[in-house]
Amino acid sequence: MIAESGVSVLDSWSSSYWLVLVAKAGLVVVFYLTAFLIVSYMEHKVLAHMQSRIGPMKAGAFHGWAQIIADGVKFFQKEDIIPDNADRPVFRMAPTLVFIATVGLYVVIPWGPGLSFRNLEVGIFYALAISSLSTIGVLMAGWSSANKYALIGGLRAAGQLIAYELPLVLAVVGVVLMSGTMSR
């Protein structure tokens, strides 16, 4: 489709920073939703096979494909329980922080030649830093619940995350030294 000035609509859209940003965010959301559906269906079937059973077959016409939708409906009907003495803003912000850290990691992942959301000069450093935010989210969740056992569990989980980050950083250092760049 060529406009009267000889510039295609696609070229004029790609020059708008915000439109490109929204399109990229939409692609990430679509990827997450479709990947979740496929992985969830495969998890049902593979775990059923590992346990020598047939798995969900009644929901949907073909091998229980609608079980994923039924699980989603069940999930949204669950009650959001917040303990009485909890720090409510921090309690609600903890899962959001973990989700933001996970989605933020996709910014620097190259999907192919020239296909990345952002080519940062320090992409590896960014990936390590943004993935470490999930540790803070786990600590926030444990502390804000006003329960000593949840706090102990949060501290234990944070300790495990930190213990796995150190070997990861040391492994990445070798790759950075051999490649000579912290970018892709």
C-alpha atoms as a PDB file:
ATOM      1  CA  MET A   1       0.000   0.000   0.000  1.00  0.00           C
ATOM      2  CA  ILE A   2       1.733   3.141  -1.184  1.00  0.00           C
ATOM      3  CA  ALA A   3       0.601   6.544  -0.028  1.00  0.00           C
ATOM      4  CA  GLU A   4       0.497   9.492  -2.391  1.00  0.00           C
ATOM      5  CA  SER A   5       3.943  10.694  -1.332  1.00  0.00           C
ATOM      6  CA  GLY A   6       5.510   7.363  -2.301  1.00  0.00           C
ATOM      7  CA  VAL A   7       6.098   6.236   1.291  1.00  0.00           C
ATOM      8  CA  SER A   8       4.423   3.048   2.418  1.00  0.00           C
ATOM      9  CA  VAL A   9       2.209   3.037   5.484  1.00  0.00           C
ATOM     10  CA  LEU A  10       4.520   0.521   7.139  1.00  0.00           C
ATOM     11  CA  ASP A  11       7.503   2.863   6.715  1.00  0.00           C
ATOM     12  CA  SER A  12       5.578   5.805   8.153  1.00  0.00           C
ATOM     13  CA  TRP A  13       4.451   3.704  11.128  1.00  0.00           C
ATOM     14  CA  SER A  14       7.968   2.448  11.834  1.00  0.00           C
ATOM     15  CA  SER A  15       9.196   6.030  12.194  1.00  0.00           C
ATOM     16  CA  SER A  16       6.864   6.592  15.160  1.00  0.00           C
ATOM     17  CA  TYR A  17       8.735   5.592  18.322  1.00  0.00           C
ATOM     18  CA  TRP A  18       5.636   5.061  20.462  1.00  0.00           C
ATOM     19  CA  LEU A  19       3.793   3.035  17.861  1.00  0.00           C
ATOM     20  CA  VAL A  20       6.785   0.732  17.444  1.00  0.00           C
ATOM     21  CA  LEU A  21       7.089   0.431  21.225  1.00  0.00           C
ATOM     22  CA  VAL A  22       3.422  -0.533  21.592  1.00  0.00           C
ATOM     23  CA  ALA A  23       3.738  -3.032  18.731  1.00  0.00           C
ATOM     24  CA  LYS A  24       6.776  -4.651  20.362  1.00  0.00           C
ATOM     25  CA  ALA A  25       5.023  -4.836  23.734  1.00  0.00           C
ATOM     26  CA  GLY A  26       2.010  -6.385  22.002  1.00  0.00           C
ATOM     27  CA  LEU A  27       4.250  -9.017  20.421  1.00  0.00           C
ATOM     28  CA  VAL A  28       5.680  -9.900  23.843  1.00  0.00           C
ATOM     29  CA  VAL A  29       2.183 -10.214  25.335  1.00  0.00           C
ATOM     30  CA  VAL A  30       0.996 -12.393  22.438  1.00  0.00           C
ATOM     31  CA  PHE A  31       4.118 -14.555  22.772  1.00  0.00           C
ATOM     32  CA  TYR A  32       3.546 -14.977  26.516  1.00  0.00           C
ATOM     33  CA  LEU A  33      -0.105 -15.917  26.071  1.00  0.00           C
ATOM     34  CA  THR A  34       0.449 -18.424  23.279  1.00  0.00           C
ATOM     35  CA  ALA A  35       3.564 -19.915  24.858  1.00  0.00           C
ATOM     36  CA  PHE A  36       1.658 -20.323  28.115  1.00  0.00           C
ATOM     37  CA  LEU A  37      -1.179 -22.150  26.387  1.00  0.00           C
ATOM     38  CA  ILE A  38       1.146 -24.538  24.563  1.00  0.00           C
ATOM     39  CA  VAL A  39       3.371 -25.221  27.566  1.00  0.00           C
ATOM     40  CA  SER A  40       0.367 -25.698  29.850  1.00  0.00           C
ATOM     41  CA  TYR A  41      -1.265 -28.175  27.466  1.00  0.00           C
ATOM     42  CA  MET A  42       1.985 -30.084  27.062  1.00  0.00           C
ATOM     43  CA  GLU A  43       2.511 -30.108  30.821  1.00  0.00           C
ATOM     44  CA  HIS A  44      -0.900 -31.698  31.328  1.00  0.00           C
ATOM     45  CA  LYS A  45      -0.213 -34.358  28.731  1.00  0.00           C
ATOM     46  CA  VAL A  46       3.428 -35.102  29.609  1.00  0.00           C
ATOM     47  CA  LEU A  47       2.746 -35.359  33.339  1.00  0.00           C
ATOM     48  CA  ALA A  48      -0.223 -37.625  32.635  1.00  0.00           C
ATOM     49  CA  HIS A  49       1.994 -39.836  30.481  1.00  0.00           C
ATOM     50  CA  MET A  50       4.693 -39.932  33.171  1.00  0.00           C
ATOM     51  CA  GLN A  51       2.078 -41.022  35.721  1.00  0.00           C
ATOM     52  CA  SER A  52       0.609 -43.663  33.377  1.00  0.00           C
ATOM     53  CA  ARG A  53      -2.772 -42.000  33.018  1.00  0.00           C
ATOM     54  CA  ILE A  54      -4.508 -40.358  30.083  1.00  0.00           C
ATOM     55  CA  GLY A  55      -4.855 -36.863  31.531  1.00  0.00           C
ATOM     56  CA  PRO A  56      -7.701 -34.438  30.942  1.00  0.00           C
ATOM     57  CA  MET A  57      -9.877 -35.652  28.068  1.00  0.00           C
ATOM     58  CA  LYS A  58     -13.414 -34.408  28.818  1.00  0.00           C
ATOM     59  CA  ALA A  59     -12.938 -30.631  28.510  1.00  0.00           C
ATOM     60  CA  GLY A  60     -13.043 -29.856  24.800  1.00  0.00           C
ATOM     61  CA  ALA A  61     -13.668 -32.019  21.784  1.00  0.00           C
ATOM     62  CA  PHE A  62     -10.067 -33.000  21.036  1.00  0.00           C
ATOM     63  CA  HIS A  63      -7.979 -34.525  23.842  1.00  0.00           C
ATOM     64  CA  GLY A  64      -8.955 -31.996  26.515  1.00  0.00           C
ATOM     65  CA  TRP A  65      -7.712 -28.818  24.834  1.00  0.00           C
ATOM     66  CA  ALA A  66     -10.257 -26.729  26.793  1.00  0.00           C
ATOM     67  CA  GLN A  67      -8.791 -27.819  30.133  1.00  0.00           C
ATOM     68  CA  ILE A  68      -6.409 -24.867  29.899  1.00  0.00           C
ATOM     69  CA  ILE A  69      -9.353 -22.480  29.575  1.00  0.00           C
ATOM     70  CA  ALA A  70     -11.099 -24.174  32.511  1.00  0.00           C
ATOM     71  CA  ASP A  71      -7.943 -23.763  34.597  1.00  0.00           C
ATOM     72  CA  GLY A  72      -7.812 -20.074  33.666  1.00  0.00           C
ATOM     73  CA  VAL A  73     -11.448 -19.516  34.643  1.00  0.00           C
ATOM     74  CA  LYS A  74     -10.823 -21.316  37.934  1.00  0.00           C
ATOM     75  CA  PHE A  75      -7.746 -19.156  38.545  1.00  0.00           C
ATOM     76  CA  PHE A  76      -9.651 -15.897  38.064  1.00  0.00           C
ATOM     77  CA  GLN A  77     -12.415 -17.037  40.421  1.00  0.00           C
ATOM     78  CA  LYS A  78      -9.998 -17.554  43.290  1.00  0.00           C
ATOM     79  CA  GLU A  79     -10.210 -15.138  46.180  1.00  0.00           C
ATOM     80  CA  ASP A  80      -7.297 -12.788  46.784  1.00  0.00           C
ATOM     81  CA  ILE A  81      -6.510 -13.302  50.466  1.00  0.00           C
ATOM     82  CA  ILE A  82      -4.353 -10.747  52.225  1.00  0.00           C
ATOM     83  CA  PRO A  83      -3.442 -11.389  55.874  1.00  0.00           C
ATOM     84  CA  ASP A  84      -4.870  -8.924  58.408  1.00  0.00           C
ATOM     85  CA  ASN A  85      -1.526  -7.596  59.658  1.00  0.00           C
ATOM     86  CA  ALA A  86       0.153  -7.546  56.255  1.00  0.00           C
ATOM     87  CA  ASP A  87       1.705  -4.466  54.731  1.00  0.00           C
ATOM     88  CA  ARG A  88      -0.851  -4.298  51.914  1.00  0.00           C
ATOM     89  CA  PRO A  89       0.966  -2.128  49.335  1.00  0.00           C
ATOM     90  CA  VAL A  90       4.171  -4.154  49.611  1.00  0.00           C
ATOM     91  CA  PHE A  91       2.238  -7.438  49.639  1.00  0.00           C
ATOM     92  CA  ARG A  92       0.529  -6.514  46.361  1.00  0.00           C
ATOM     93  CA  MET A  93       3.655  -5.078  44.764  1.00  0.00           C
ATOM     94  CA  ALA A  94       5.855  -8.177  45.299  1.00  0.00           C
ATOM     95  CA  PRO A  95       4.406 -10.351  42.488  1.00  0.00           C
ATOM     96  CA  THR A  96       4.318  -7.320  40.200  1.00  0.00           C
ATOM     97  CA  LEU A  97       8.030  -6.728  40.753  1.00  0.00           C
ATOM     98  CA  VAL A  98       8.846 -10.359  39.951  1.00  0.00           C
ATOM     99  CA  PHE A  99       6.717 -10.168  36.780  1.00  0.00           C
ATOM    100  CA  ILE A 100       8.363  -6.904  35.668  1.00  0.00           C
ATOM    101  CA  ALA A 101      11.799  -8.430  36.198  1.00  0.00           C
ATOM    102  CA  THR A 102      10.859 -11.439  34.091  1.00  0.00           C
ATOM    103  CA  VAL A 103       9.348  -9.425  31.242  1.00  0.00           C
ATOM    104  CA  GLY A 104      12.175  -6.872  31.387  1.00  0.00           C
ATOM    105  CA  LEU A 105      14.651  -9.614  30.612  1.00  0.00           C
ATOM    106  CA  TYR A 106      13.139 -10.048  27.144  1.00  0.00           C
ATOM    107  CA  VAL A 107      14.342  -6.564  26.162  1.00  0.00           C
ATOM    108  CA  VAL A 108      17.893  -7.688  25.402  1.00  0.00           C
ATOM    109  CA  ILE A 109      17.316 -11.228  24.119  1.00  0.00           C
ATOM    110  CA  PRO A 110      18.174 -11.410  20.407  1.00  0.00           C
ATOM    111  CA  TRP A 111      15.516 -13.332  18.477  1.00  0.00           C
ATOM    112  CA  GLY A 112      17.498 -13.387  15.245  1.00  0.00           C
ATOM    113  CA  PRO A 113      19.834 -11.232  13.177  1.00  0.00           C
ATOM    114  CA  GLY A 114      18.794  -7.662  13.908  1.00  0.00           C
ATOM    115  CA  LEU A 115      15.732  -8.815  15.863  1.00  0.00           C
ATOM    116  CA  SER A 116      15.976  -7.557  19.416  1.00  0.00           C
ATOM    117  CA  PHE A 117      13.834  -5.083  21.256  1.00  0.00           C
ATOM    118  CA  ARG A 118      16.824  -3.049  22.346  1.00  0.00           C
ATOM    119  CA  ASN A 119      20.501  -3.505  21.577  1.00  0.00           C
ATOM    120  CA  LEU A 120      22.189  -2.261  24.730  1.00  0.00           C
ATOM    121  CA  GLU A 121      25.961  -1.927  24.872  1.00  0.00           C
ATOM    122  CA  VAL A 122      25.895  -3.581  28.282  1.00  0.00           C
ATOM    123  CA  GLY A 123      23.177  -6.139  27.537  1.00  0.00           C
ATOM    124  CA  ILE A 124      24.662  -8.903  29.691  1.00  0.00           C
ATOM    125  CA  PHE A 125      25.001  -6.550  32.649  1.00  0.00           C
ATOM    126  CA  TYR A 126      21.399  -5.433  32.164  1.00  0.00           C
ATOM    127  CA  ALA A 127      20.180  -9.053  31.975  1.00  0.00           C
ATOM    128  CA  LEU A 128      21.979 -10.000  35.181  1.00  0.00           C
ATOM    129  CA  ALA A 129      20.761  -6.884  36.998  1.00  0.00           C
ATOM    130  CA  ILE A 130      17.111  -7.135  35.920  1.00  0.00           C
ATOM    131  CA  SER A 131      16.938 -10.848  36.731  1.00  0.00           C
ATOM    132  CA  SER A 132      18.205 -10.091  40.247  1.00  0.00           C
ATOM    133  CA  LEU A 133      15.105  -7.982  40.933  1.00  0.00           C
ATOM    134  CA  SER A 134      13.096 -11.157  41.455  1.00  0.00           C
ATOM    135  CA  THR A 135      15.115 -11.759  44.638  1.00  0.00           C
ATOM    136  CA  ILE A 136      13.843  -8.463  46.028  1.00  0.00           C
ATOM    137  CA  GLY A 137      10.286  -9.449  45.088  1.00  0.00           C
ATOM    138  CA  VAL A 138      10.614 -12.722  47.012  1.00  0.00           C
ATOM    139  CA  LEU A 139      11.944 -10.863  50.049  1.00  0.00           C
ATOM    140  CA  MET A 140       9.116  -8.324  49.813  1.00  0.00           C
ATOM    141  CA  ALA A 141       6.530 -11.110  49.708  1.00  0.00           C
ATOM    142  CA  GLY A 142       7.937 -12.874  52.767  1.00  0.00           C
ATOM    143  CA  TRP A 143       8.404  -9.742  54.856  1.00  0.00           C
ATOM    144  CA  SER A 144       5.116  -8.032  54.032  1.00  0.00           C
ATOM    145  CA  SER A 145       2.920 -10.969  55.062  1.00  0.00           C
ATOM    146  CA  ALA A 146       3.603 -10.301  58.778  1.00  0.00           C
ATOM    147  CA  ASN A 147       4.189 -14.022  59.337  1.00  0.00           C
ATOM    148  CA  LYS A 148       7.472 -15.280  60.750  1.00  0.00           C
ATOM    149  CA  TYR A 149       7.291 -18.517  58.777  1.00  0.00           C
ATOM    150  CA  ALA A 150       6.657 -16.688  55.512  1.00  0.00           C
ATOM    151  CA  LEU A 151       9.599 -14.412  56.319  1.00  0.00           C
ATOM    152  CA  ILE A 152      11.851 -17.408  56.948  1.00  0.00           C
ATOM    153  CA  GLY A 153      10.653 -18.999  53.702  1.00  0.00           C
ATOM    154  CA  GLY A 154      11.258 -15.748  51.805  1.00  0.00           C
ATOM    155  CA  LEU A 155      14.761 -15.444  53.247  1.00  0.00           C
ATOM    156  CA  ARG A 156      15.497 -19.074  52.336  1.00  0.00           C
ATOM    157  CA  ALA A 157      14.226 -18.583  48.774  1.00  0.00           C
ATOM    158  CA  ALA A 158      16.217 -15.356  48.417  1.00  0.00           C
ATOM    159  CA  GLY A 159      19.309 -17.146  49.693  1.00  0.00           C
ATOM    160  CA  GLN A 160      18.835 -19.835  47.058  1.00  0.00           C
ATOM    161  CA  LEU A 161      18.371 -17.254  44.300  1.00  0.00           C
ATOM    162  CA  ILE A 162      21.532 -15.426  45.363  1.00  0.00           C
ATOM    163  CA  ALA A 163      23.447 -18.721  45.578  1.00  0.00           C
ATOM    164  CA  TYR A 164      22.503 -19.499  41.963  1.00  0.00           C
ATOM    165  CA  GLU A 165      23.342 -16.007  40.738  1.00  0.00           C
ATOM    166  CA  LEU A 166      27.020 -16.194  41.712  1.00  0.00           C
ATOM    167  CA  PRO A 167      27.874 -19.189  39.460  1.00  0.00           C
ATOM    168  CA  LEU A 168      25.770 -17.603  36.706  1.00  0.00           C
ATOM    169  CA  VAL A 169      27.788 -14.373  36.882  1.00  0.00           C
ATOM    170  CA  LEU A 170      31.067 -16.301  36.881  1.00  0.00           C
ATOM    171  CA  ALA A 171      29.943 -18.294  33.834  1.00  0.00           C
ATOM    172  CA  VAL A 172      28.931 -15.107  32.023  1.00  0.00           C
ATOM    173  CA  VAL A 173      32.309 -13.482  32.754  1.00  0.00           C
ATOM    174  CA  GLY A 174      34.063 -16.168  30.705  1.00  0.00           C
ATOM    175  CA  VAL A 175      31.717 -15.632  27.762  1.00  0.00           C
ATOM    176  CA  VAL A 176      32.172 -11.855  27.934  1.00  0.00           C
ATOM    177  CA  LEU A 177      35.968 -12.197  28.043  1.00  0.00           C
ATOM    178  CA  MET A 178      36.025 -14.564  25.071  1.00  0.00           C
ATOM    179  CA  SER A 179      33.597 -12.508  22.961  1.00  0.00           C
ATOM    180  CA  GLY A 180      35.100  -9.154  23.877  1.00  0.00           C
ATOM    181  CA  THR A 181      31.713  -7.450  24.229  1.00  0.00           C
ATOM    182  CA  MET A 182      28.866  -7.193  26.695  1.00  0.00           C
ATOM    183  CA  SER A 183      26.383  -6.703  23.888  1.00  0.00           C
ATOM    184  CA  ARG A 184      24.783  -9.536  21.888  1.00  0.00           C
END
